[in-house]
Amino acid sequence: MEAGRSEMKKTLIVGATDNPSRYAFLAASMFEARGMDFVPIGIKKGKVFGRDIVDLRERPELEDIHTITLYLGPANQQEWIDYLIGLKPQRIIFNPGSENPVFFSKAKEAGIEVLPACNLVMLSTGQF
């Protein structure tokens, strides 16, 4: 099978939830519908489209993460910043409400592209 664009962008959904009314769930739904690889991670237990939500508190070793998309507000990001940067993603998408100048700066210093953008819009318009 030829590796397409979507398979090359394994995405970590930070703040994942199995609550269908949350934006993180809607993003997972869009990834699933497009056949795109994603890993849900958060502090809540549950399943998202058959995938267990990985426990963020365990700071698991994850490989080949292309994009991190954040669904955590700045007040809930502090303890995870170094861990997330340590995963060496190519980019971090700061969804509305997750913008954090300190995290922006640290990620940029680490050579990571930072995008204050809406993942749902990016997927809907083919900008992802």
Protein backbone atom coordinates (compact mmCIF):
# COMPACT_ATOMS: atom_id res chain seq x y z
CA MET A 1 0.00 0.00 0.00
CA GLU A 2 1.39 3.37 -0.97
CA ALA A 3 1.87 5.75 1.95
CA GLY A 4 -0.43 8.67 1.36
CA ARG A 5 -0.38 12.12 2.85
CA SER A 6 -2.74 11.21 5.68
CA GLU A 7 -0.71 8.21 6.88
CA MET A 8 2.41 10.31 7.15
CA LYS A 9 0.86 12.71 9.67
CA LYS A 10 0.25 10.65 12.79
CA THR A 11 -1.46 13.07 15.14
CA LEU A 12 -1.58 13.14 18.92
CA ILE A 13 -4.89 14.53 20.17
CA VAL A 14 -4.08 16.01 23.57
CA GLY A 15 -7.12 16.37 25.81
CA ALA A 16 -8.91 13.46 24.12
CA THR A 17 -12.33 12.49 25.44
CA ASP A 18 -15.13 10.09 24.59
CA ASN A 19 -17.66 12.92 25.08
CA PRO A 20 -19.17 13.54 21.62
CA SER A 21 -19.98 17.17 22.46
CA ARG A 22 -16.30 18.12 22.88
CA TYR A 23 -14.11 19.49 20.08
CA ALA A 24 -11.38 16.92 20.75
CA PHE A 25 -13.92 14.18 20.02
CA LEU A 26 -15.05 15.96 16.85
CA ALA A 27 -11.44 16.15 15.68
CA ALA A 28 -11.01 12.40 16.32
CA SER A 29 -14.21 11.81 14.36
CA MET A 30 -12.83 13.75 11.40
CA PHE A 31 -9.49 11.89 11.52
CA GLU A 32 -11.33 8.57 11.68
CA ALA A 33 -13.65 9.47 8.77
CA ARG A 34 -10.62 10.38 6.64
CA GLY A 35 -8.63 7.28 7.56
CA MET A 36 -5.95 9.38 9.24
CA ASP A 37 -3.76 7.96 12.00
CA PHE A 38 -4.26 9.49 15.45
CA VAL A 39 -3.51 8.73 19.07
CA PRO A 40 -5.96 10.02 21.69
CA ILE A 41 -4.25 11.04 24.93
CA GLY A 42 -5.62 12.66 28.05
CA ILE A 43 -6.38 12.18 31.72
CA LYS A 44 -9.86 10.75 31.19
CA LYS A 45 -10.37 7.05 30.60
CA GLY A 46 -12.40 5.87 27.67
CA LYS A 47 -12.32 4.84 24.04
CA VAL A 48 -12.43 7.01 20.96
CA PHE A 49 -13.42 5.13 17.81
CA GLY A 50 -12.10 1.86 19.23
CA ARG A 51 -8.85 3.37 20.49
CA ASP A 52 -8.11 3.55 24.20
CA ILE A 53 -7.37 7.03 25.46
CA VAL A 54 -3.70 6.87 26.46
CA ASP A 55 -3.04 8.14 30.00
CA LEU A 56 -1.16 11.44 29.68
CA ARG A 57 -0.05 11.21 33.33
CA GLU A 58 2.13 8.23 32.41
CA ARG A 59 4.03 10.31 29.84
CA PRO A 60 4.25 7.34 27.48
CA GLU A 61 7.00 7.03 24.92
CA LEU A 62 5.34 7.63 21.57
CA GLU A 63 7.14 7.55 18.25
CA ASP A 64 6.58 9.07 14.84
CA ILE A 65 4.22 11.81 16.05
CA HIS A 66 4.03 14.32 13.21
CA THR A 67 1.47 16.70 14.71
CA ILE A 68 0.20 17.46 18.19
CA THR A 69 -3.21 19.09 18.33
CA LEU A 70 -4.03 20.66 21.68
CA TYR A 71 -7.43 20.69 23.34
CA LEU A 72 -6.16 21.77 26.77
CA GLY A 73 -6.33 25.33 28.04
CA PRO A 74 -3.08 27.04 29.05
CA ALA A 75 -3.77 26.51 32.77
CA ASN A 76 -3.77 22.75 32.19
CA GLN A 77 -0.73 22.60 29.88
CA GLN A 78 2.17 23.57 32.14
CA GLU A 79 3.09 20.13 33.48
CA TRP A 80 2.97 18.57 30.00
CA ILE A 81 4.93 21.13 27.93
CA ASP A 82 8.37 19.50 28.23
CA TYR A 83 6.93 16.02 27.68
CA LEU A 84 5.06 17.07 24.53
CA ILE A 85 8.06 18.92 23.10
CA GLY A 86 10.15 15.83 23.90
CA LEU A 87 8.00 13.80 21.51
CA LYS A 88 9.66 15.85 18.75
CA PRO A 89 6.62 16.57 16.61
CA GLN A 90 7.03 18.59 13.44
CA ARG A 91 4.19 20.90 14.45
CA ILE A 92 1.82 21.76 17.26
CA ILE A 93 -1.65 23.08 16.53
CA PHE A 94 -2.97 25.35 19.28
CA ASN A 95 -6.73 25.15 18.87
CA PRO A 96 -8.87 28.11 20.01
CA GLY A 97 -8.61 28.45 23.78
CA SER A 98 -5.30 26.57 23.98
CA GLU A 99 -3.01 29.40 22.85
CA ASN A 100 -0.05 29.76 25.20
CA PRO A 101 2.85 32.18 24.51
CA VAL A 102 5.23 30.28 26.82
CA PHE A 103 4.51 26.97 25.10
CA PHE A 104 4.75 28.71 21.67
CA SER A 105 8.23 30.00 22.52
CA LYS A 106 9.54 26.72 23.91
CA ALA A 107 8.23 24.79 20.91
CA LYS A 108 9.72 27.27 18.42
CA GLU A 109 13.08 27.12 20.24
CA ALA A 110 12.95 23.33 19.80
CA GLY A 111 12.44 23.79 16.05
CA ILE A 112 8.75 22.88 16.07
CA GLU A 113 6.27 24.72 13.87
CA VAL A 114 3.50 26.29 15.95
CA LEU A 115 0.10 27.08 14.50
CA PRO A 116 -2.60 28.98 16.35
CA ALA A 117 -5.39 27.45 14.29
CA CYS A 118 -8.50 25.33 14.43
CA ASN A 119 -7.82 21.70 13.58
CA LEU A 120 -11.47 21.20 12.57
CA VAL A 121 -11.26 24.03 10.03
CA MET A 122 -7.90 22.81 8.77
CA LEU A 123 -9.33 19.32 8.14
CA SER A 124 -12.54 20.68 6.59
CA THR A 125 -10.67 22.90 4.14
CA GLY A 126 -7.83 20.52 3.24
CA GLN A 127 -5.17 22.61 5.01
CA PHE A 128 -4.11 19.86 7.37
